[in-house]
Amino acid sequence: QVQLVESGGGLVQPGGSLRLSCAASGSILNFNLIGWYRQAPGKQRELVADMTSGGTTNYADSVKGRFTISRDNAENMVYLQMNSLKPEDTAVYYCKGCKSILAIRHDYWGQGTQVTVSS
C-alpha cells in the first residue's frame, strides 16, 4: 500500500519561510507525477507545484518565484520550500502522487499538513 506522509507545517509570520516534507513508502520514481496541493477554508483544492519522474516542474502562478519543489530519490522524499510567505498561502497542504498501472491512473494522497501565515 502506497503511503505519503507530510510534515513541516506550522505557524509562520508573513515574509517567513517553511519547508514541507513528503515521505513516500516506496520509491518516488515509481510515480509518474508527484507534487503538492493546498486547500484553504471554503476553497477548492488547488495545485501548488508538481514534478514529473523526469524532473520537469510546474508551479501555480501564485507561487512562482517563491516556492520550490525538489526531491531526494535516495530518501524517497519530496520537499516544498516556501519563501516570502503571504497570509493567502494559509491552507492545508497535501502531497499527491500519481501512478499509471496497466494504463489506469491511480492517485495517492497524504493526510495533509497545516500551514498558517499570520502575524
N, C-alpha and C. Protein backbone atom coordinates (compact mmCIF):
# COMPACT_ATOMS: atom_id res chain seq x y z
N GLN A 1 0.84 -1.18 0.00
CA GLN A 1 0.00 0.00 0.00
C GLN A 1 0.89 1.25 0.00
N VAL A 2 0.64 2.12 -0.94
CA VAL A 2 1.42 3.35 -1.04
C VAL A 2 0.98 4.32 0.05
N GLN A 3 1.95 4.88 0.73
CA GLN A 3 1.66 5.91 1.73
C GLN A 3 2.50 7.14 1.49
N LEU A 4 1.88 8.27 1.68
CA LEU A 4 2.57 9.56 1.61
C LEU A 4 2.31 10.28 2.93
N VAL A 5 3.35 10.73 3.58
CA VAL A 5 3.22 11.37 4.89
C VAL A 5 3.89 12.73 4.85
N GLU A 6 3.09 13.78 5.06
CA GLU A 6 3.62 15.14 5.06
C GLU A 6 4.05 15.55 6.47
N SER A 7 4.97 16.48 6.50
CA SER A 7 5.38 17.11 7.76
C SER A 7 5.97 18.47 7.45
N GLY A 8 6.14 19.27 8.51
CA GLY A 8 6.81 20.55 8.33
C GLY A 8 5.91 21.77 8.38
N GLY A 9 4.60 21.56 8.49
CA GLY A 9 3.71 22.71 8.56
C GLY A 9 3.83 23.42 9.90
N GLY A 10 3.16 24.56 9.98
CA GLY A 10 3.19 25.31 11.23
C GLY A 10 2.73 26.73 11.04
N LEU A 11 2.98 27.54 12.05
CA LEU A 11 2.62 28.95 12.04
C LEU A 11 3.87 29.76 11.72
N VAL A 12 3.74 30.66 10.76
CA VAL A 12 4.87 31.50 10.37
C VAL A 12 4.35 32.90 10.08
N GLN A 13 5.20 33.88 10.31
CA GLN A 13 4.82 35.27 10.04
C GLN A 13 4.92 35.57 8.55
N PRO A 14 4.15 36.54 8.09
CA PRO A 14 4.29 36.95 6.68
C PRO A 14 5.74 37.30 6.35
N GLY A 15 6.17 36.84 5.19
CA GLY A 15 7.56 37.05 4.78
C GLY A 15 8.49 35.94 5.20
N GLY A 16 7.99 35.03 6.04
CA GLY A 16 8.82 33.94 6.54
C GLY A 16 8.89 32.78 5.57
N SER A 17 9.56 31.73 6.03
CA SER A 17 9.78 30.53 5.21
C SER A 17 9.42 29.27 5.98
N LEU A 18 9.04 28.26 5.23
CA LEU A 18 8.82 26.93 5.76
C LEU A 18 9.25 25.93 4.70
N ARG A 19 9.65 24.75 5.15
CA ARG A 19 9.91 23.66 4.21
C ARG A 19 9.02 22.48 4.59
N LEU A 20 8.19 22.09 3.65
CA LEU A 20 7.35 20.91 3.83
C LEU A 20 8.07 19.68 3.28
N SER A 21 7.84 18.56 3.94
CA SER A 21 8.43 17.30 3.50
C SER A 21 7.32 16.27 3.27
N CYS A 22 7.54 15.42 2.29
CA CYS A 22 6.61 14.33 2.00
C CYS A 22 7.44 13.05 1.89
N ALA A 23 7.16 12.12 2.79
CA ALA A 23 7.87 10.84 2.79
C ALA A 23 7.01 9.79 2.12
N ALA A 24 7.57 9.12 1.11
CA ALA A 24 6.85 8.07 0.39
C ALA A 24 7.27 6.70 0.92
N SER A 25 6.33 5.76 0.92
CA SER A 25 6.61 4.43 1.44
C SER A 25 7.43 3.59 0.47
N GLY A 26 7.48 4.02 -0.79
CA GLY A 26 8.31 3.33 -1.78
C GLY A 26 9.08 4.34 -2.58
N SER A 27 9.65 3.89 -3.68
CA SER A 27 10.45 4.80 -4.50
C SER A 27 9.56 5.87 -5.13
N ILE A 28 9.98 7.13 -4.98
CA ILE A 28 9.21 8.21 -5.59
C ILE A 28 9.34 8.20 -7.11
N LEU A 29 10.34 7.51 -7.61
CA LEU A 29 10.48 7.41 -9.06
C LEU A 29 9.41 6.51 -9.68
N ASN A 30 8.69 5.76 -8.84
CA ASN A 30 7.58 4.96 -9.33
C ASN A 30 6.37 5.82 -9.68
N PHE A 31 6.38 7.06 -9.21
CA PHE A 31 5.29 7.97 -9.53
C PHE A 31 5.59 8.68 -10.86
N ASN A 32 4.59 8.73 -11.74
CA ASN A 32 4.74 9.50 -12.97
C ASN A 32 4.80 10.99 -12.66
N LEU A 33 4.08 11.34 -11.59
CA LEU A 33 3.97 12.74 -11.21
C LEU A 33 3.80 12.79 -9.70
N ILE A 34 4.51 13.70 -9.04
CA ILE A 34 4.34 13.87 -7.61
C ILE A 34 4.41 15.35 -7.30
N GLY A 35 3.60 15.78 -6.34
CA GLY A 35 3.59 17.21 -6.08
C GLY A 35 2.79 17.60 -4.87
N TRP A 36 2.52 18.89 -4.78
CA TRP A 36 1.86 19.50 -3.65
C TRP A 36 0.59 20.23 -4.09
N TYR A 37 -0.46 20.02 -3.32
CA TYR A 37 -1.72 20.73 -3.48
C TYR A 37 -2.02 21.42 -2.16
N ARG A 38 -2.94 22.36 -2.20
CA ARG A 38 -3.37 23.01 -0.97
C ARG A 38 -4.86 23.31 -1.02
N GLN A 39 -5.45 23.38 0.17
CA GLN A 39 -6.86 23.71 0.27
C GLN A 39 -7.07 24.66 1.43
N ALA A 40 -7.54 25.85 1.10
CA ALA A 40 -7.87 26.85 2.11
C ALA A 40 -9.33 26.68 2.50
N PRO A 41 -9.71 27.16 3.68
CA PRO A 41 -11.10 27.04 4.12
C PRO A 41 -12.07 27.66 3.11
N GLY A 42 -13.09 26.91 2.75
CA GLY A 42 -14.10 27.40 1.83
C GLY A 42 -13.68 27.44 0.37
N LYS A 43 -12.49 26.92 0.08
CA LYS A 43 -12.00 26.94 -1.30
C LYS A 43 -11.72 25.52 -1.79
N GLN A 44 -11.63 25.39 -3.11
CA GLN A 44 -11.30 24.10 -3.70
C GLN A 44 -9.81 23.81 -3.55
N ARG A 45 -9.50 22.53 -3.54
CA ARG A 45 -8.11 22.13 -3.51
C ARG A 45 -7.46 22.54 -4.83
N GLU A 46 -6.24 23.08 -4.76
CA GLU A 46 -5.56 23.57 -5.95
C GLU A 46 -4.12 23.09 -6.01
N LEU A 47 -3.64 22.98 -7.22
CA LEU A 47 -2.25 22.61 -7.43
C LEU A 47 -1.32 23.74 -6.98
N VAL A 48 -0.27 23.37 -6.25
CA VAL A 48 0.77 24.33 -5.89
C VAL A 48 1.99 24.11 -6.79
N ALA A 49 2.48 22.89 -6.82
CA ALA A 49 3.65 22.57 -7.65
C ALA A 49 3.72 21.07 -7.81
N ASP A 50 4.23 20.64 -8.98
CA ASP A 50 4.45 19.22 -9.15
C ASP A 50 5.68 18.98 -10.00
N MET A 51 6.07 17.69 -10.04
CA MET A 51 7.30 17.32 -10.72
C MET A 51 7.10 15.95 -11.36
N THR A 52 7.50 15.83 -12.62
CA THR A 52 7.43 14.52 -13.28
C THR A 52 8.59 13.65 -12.83
N SER A 53 8.50 12.37 -13.16
CA SER A 53 9.59 11.46 -12.82
C SER A 53 10.88 11.86 -13.54
N GLY A 54 10.74 12.58 -14.65
CA GLY A 54 11.90 13.06 -15.38
C GLY A 54 12.48 14.35 -14.83
N GLY A 55 11.77 14.94 -13.86
CA GLY A 55 12.29 16.14 -13.21
C GLY A 55 11.70 17.46 -13.70
N THR A 56 10.77 17.41 -14.62
CA THR A 56 10.12 18.64 -15.08
C THR A 56 9.18 19.16 -14.00
N THR A 57 9.30 20.45 -13.71
CA THR A 57 8.48 21.05 -12.65
C THR A 57 7.42 21.97 -13.23
N ASN A 58 6.39 22.17 -12.43
CA ASN A 58 5.26 23.01 -12.80
C ASN A 58 4.78 23.70 -11.54
N TYR A 59 4.52 25.02 -11.65
CA TYR A 59 4.10 25.79 -10.49
C TYR A 59 2.83 26.58 -10.78
N ALA A 60 2.03 26.75 -9.75
CA ALA A 60 0.91 27.68 -9.86
C ALA A 60 1.47 29.09 -9.98
N ASP A 61 0.79 29.94 -10.74
CA ASP A 61 1.27 31.31 -10.93
C ASP A 61 1.43 32.03 -9.59
N SER A 62 0.57 31.73 -8.65
CA SER A 62 0.57 32.44 -7.37
C SER A 62 1.81 32.15 -6.52
N VAL A 63 2.54 31.09 -6.83
CA VAL A 63 3.71 30.73 -6.01
C VAL A 63 5.02 30.79 -6.80
N LYS A 64 4.96 31.05 -8.08
CA LYS A 64 6.18 31.11 -8.90
C LYS A 64 7.15 32.14 -8.33
N GLY A 65 8.39 31.73 -8.23
CA GLY A 65 9.42 32.62 -7.71
C GLY A 65 9.52 32.61 -6.18
N ARG A 66 8.56 32.00 -5.52
CA ARG A 66 8.58 31.94 -4.05
C ARG A 66 8.72 30.51 -3.53
N PHE A 67 8.12 29.57 -4.23
CA PHE A 67 8.14 28.17 -3.79
C PHE A 67 9.01 27.35 -4.73
N THR A 68 9.64 26.32 -4.17
CA THR A 68 10.46 25.42 -4.97
C THR A 68 10.18 23.99 -4.56
N ILE A 69 9.85 23.16 -5.54
CA ILE A 69 9.67 21.73 -5.29
C ILE A 69 10.97 21.02 -5.62
N SER A 70 11.31 20.05 -4.79
CA SER A 70 12.53 19.27 -5.04
C SER A 70 12.31 17.86 -4.50
N ARG A 71 13.24 16.98 -4.79
CA ARG A 71 13.10 15.61 -4.30
C ARG A 71 14.47 15.02 -4.01
N ASP A 72 14.44 14.01 -3.16
CA ASP A 72 15.64 13.23 -2.86
C ASP A 72 15.29 11.79 -3.19
N ASN A 73 15.75 11.32 -4.33
CA ASN A 73 15.36 9.98 -4.79
C ASN A 73 15.85 8.90 -3.84
N ALA A 74 17.02 9.09 -3.28
CA ALA A 74 17.59 8.07 -2.41
C ALA A 74 16.78 7.91 -1.12
N GLU A 75 16.25 9.04 -0.65
CA GLU A 75 15.48 9.02 0.60
C GLU A 75 13.98 8.92 0.37
N ASN A 76 13.56 8.89 -0.89
CA ASN A 76 12.13 8.84 -1.24
C ASN A 76 11.36 9.99 -0.60
N MET A 77 11.93 11.18 -0.73
CA MET A 77 11.34 12.37 -0.15
C MET A 77 11.08 13.42 -1.22
N VAL A 78 10.00 14.16 -1.02
CA VAL A 78 9.69 15.31 -1.85
C VAL A 78 9.54 16.50 -0.92
N TYR A 79 10.06 17.64 -1.34
CA TYR A 79 10.05 18.82 -0.50
C TYR A 79 9.36 19.98 -1.20
N LEU A 80 8.86 20.88 -0.39
CA LEU A 80 8.35 22.15 -0.91
C LEU A 80 8.95 23.26 -0.04
N GLN A 81 9.89 23.98 -0.60
CA GLN A 81 10.48 25.13 0.09
C GLN A 81 9.60 26.34 -0.21
N MET A 82 9.10 26.95 0.84
CA MET A 82 8.19 28.09 0.69
C MET A 82 8.83 29.32 1.31
N ASN A 83 9.10 30.31 0.49
CA ASN A 83 9.69 31.56 0.94
C ASN A 83 8.72 32.71 0.71
N SER A 84 8.99 33.81 1.36
CA SER A 84 8.17 35.02 1.21
C SER A 84 6.69 34.69 1.38
N LEU A 85 6.38 33.98 2.43
CA LEU A 85 5.01 33.52 2.63
C LEU A 85 4.06 34.68 2.87
N LYS A 86 2.85 34.50 2.38
CA LYS A 86 1.80 35.51 2.50
C LYS A 86 0.60 34.91 3.24
N PRO A 87 -0.22 35.75 3.84
CA PRO A 87 -1.41 35.21 4.53
C PRO A 87 -2.27 34.35 3.61
N GLU A 88 -2.32 34.68 2.33
CA GLU A 88 -3.14 33.90 1.41
C GLU A 88 -2.54 32.53 1.10
N ASP A 89 -1.36 32.24 1.59
CA ASP A 89 -0.79 30.89 1.47
C ASP A 89 -1.31 29.97 2.57
N THR A 90 -2.05 30.51 3.50
CA THR A 90 -2.61 29.70 4.58
C THR A 90 -3.54 28.63 4.02
N ALA A 91 -3.27 27.40 4.36
CA ALA A 91 -4.06 26.27 3.83
C ALA A 91 -3.54 24.98 4.43
N VAL A 92 -4.27 23.91 4.18
CA VAL A 92 -3.75 22.57 4.43
C VAL A 92 -3.04 22.14 3.15
N TYR A 93 -1.81 21.71 3.29
CA TYR A 93 -1.01 21.31 2.14
C TYR A 93 -0.94 19.79 2.09
N TYR A 94 -1.20 19.26 0.88
CA TYR A 94 -1.24 17.83 0.67
C TYR A 94 -0.19 17.40 -0.35
N CYS A 95 0.41 16.28 -0.09
CA CYS A 95 1.29 15.64 -1.06
C CYS A 95 0.46 14.66 -1.88
N LYS A 96 0.68 14.64 -3.17
CA LYS A 96 -0.06 13.76 -4.07
C LYS A 96 0.89 13.09 -5.04
N GLY A 97 0.70 11.79 -5.20
CA GLY A 97 1.47 11.05 -6.19
C GLY A 97 0.54 10.36 -7.18
N CYS A 98 0.94 10.31 -8.43
CA CYS A 98 0.14 9.69 -9.47
C CYS A 98 0.95 8.58 -10.15
N LYS A 99 0.31 7.43 -10.27
CA LYS A 99 0.93 6.30 -10.97
C LYS A 99 0.00 5.80 -12.05
N SER A 100 0.58 5.32 -13.14
CA SER A 100 -0.20 4.62 -14.15
C SER A 100 0.13 3.15 -14.04
N ILE A 101 -0.89 2.35 -13.73
CA ILE A 101 -0.72 0.91 -13.61
C ILE A 101 -1.65 0.25 -14.62
N LEU A 102 -1.06 -0.44 -15.59
CA LEU A 102 -1.86 -1.07 -16.66
C LEU A 102 -2.77 -0.05 -17.30
N ALA A 103 -2.21 1.13 -17.58
CA ALA A 103 -2.90 2.22 -18.27
C ALA A 103 -4.02 2.84 -17.44
N ILE A 104 -4.09 2.51 -16.17
CA ILE A 104 -5.09 3.12 -15.29
C ILE A 104 -4.37 4.03 -14.31
N ARG A 105 -4.87 5.25 -14.19
CA ARG A 105 -4.24 6.21 -13.30
C ARG A 105 -4.70 5.99 -11.87
N HIS A 106 -3.72 6.00 -10.97
CA HIS A 106 -4.00 5.88 -9.55
C HIS A 106 -3.43 7.11 -8.85
N ASP A 107 -4.25 7.75 -8.03
CA ASP A 107 -3.81 8.91 -7.27
C ASP A 107 -3.70 8.54 -5.79
N TYR A 108 -2.63 9.01 -5.17
CA TYR A 108 -2.40 8.75 -3.75
C TYR A 108 -2.20 10.09 -3.05
N TRP A 109 -2.86 10.23 -1.91
CA TRP A 109 -2.80 11.49 -1.16
C TRP A 109 -2.25 11.25 0.24
N GLY A 110 -1.54 12.23 0.74
CA GLY A 110 -1.17 12.24 2.14
C GLY A 110 -2.31 12.81 2.98
N GLN A 111 -2.08 12.88 4.28
CA GLN A 111 -3.14 13.32 5.19
C GLN A 111 -3.19 14.84 5.32
N GLY A 112 -2.15 15.52 4.85
CA GLY A 112 -2.14 16.98 4.89
C GLY A 112 -1.39 17.54 6.09
N THR A 113 -0.86 18.73 5.91
CA THR A 113 -0.20 19.45 6.99
C THR A 113 -0.62 20.91 6.92
N GLN A 114 -0.96 21.48 8.08
CA GLN A 114 -1.49 22.84 8.12
C GLN A 114 -0.36 23.87 8.07
N VAL A 115 -0.54 24.84 7.19
CA VAL A 115 0.36 25.99 7.13
C VAL A 115 -0.48 27.23 7.40
N THR A 116 -0.07 28.00 8.40
CA THR A 116 -0.77 29.23 8.75
C THR A 116 0.21 30.38 8.71
N VAL A 117 -0.11 31.38 7.89
CA VAL A 117 0.74 32.56 7.76
C VAL A 117 -0.01 33.73 8.38
N SER A 118 0.51 34.18 9.51
CA SER A 118 -0.19 35.23 10.25
C SER A 118 0.78 35.93 11.18
N SER A 119 0.51 37.23 11.39
CA SER A 119 1.32 37.98 12.35
C SER A 119 0.67 37.96 13.72
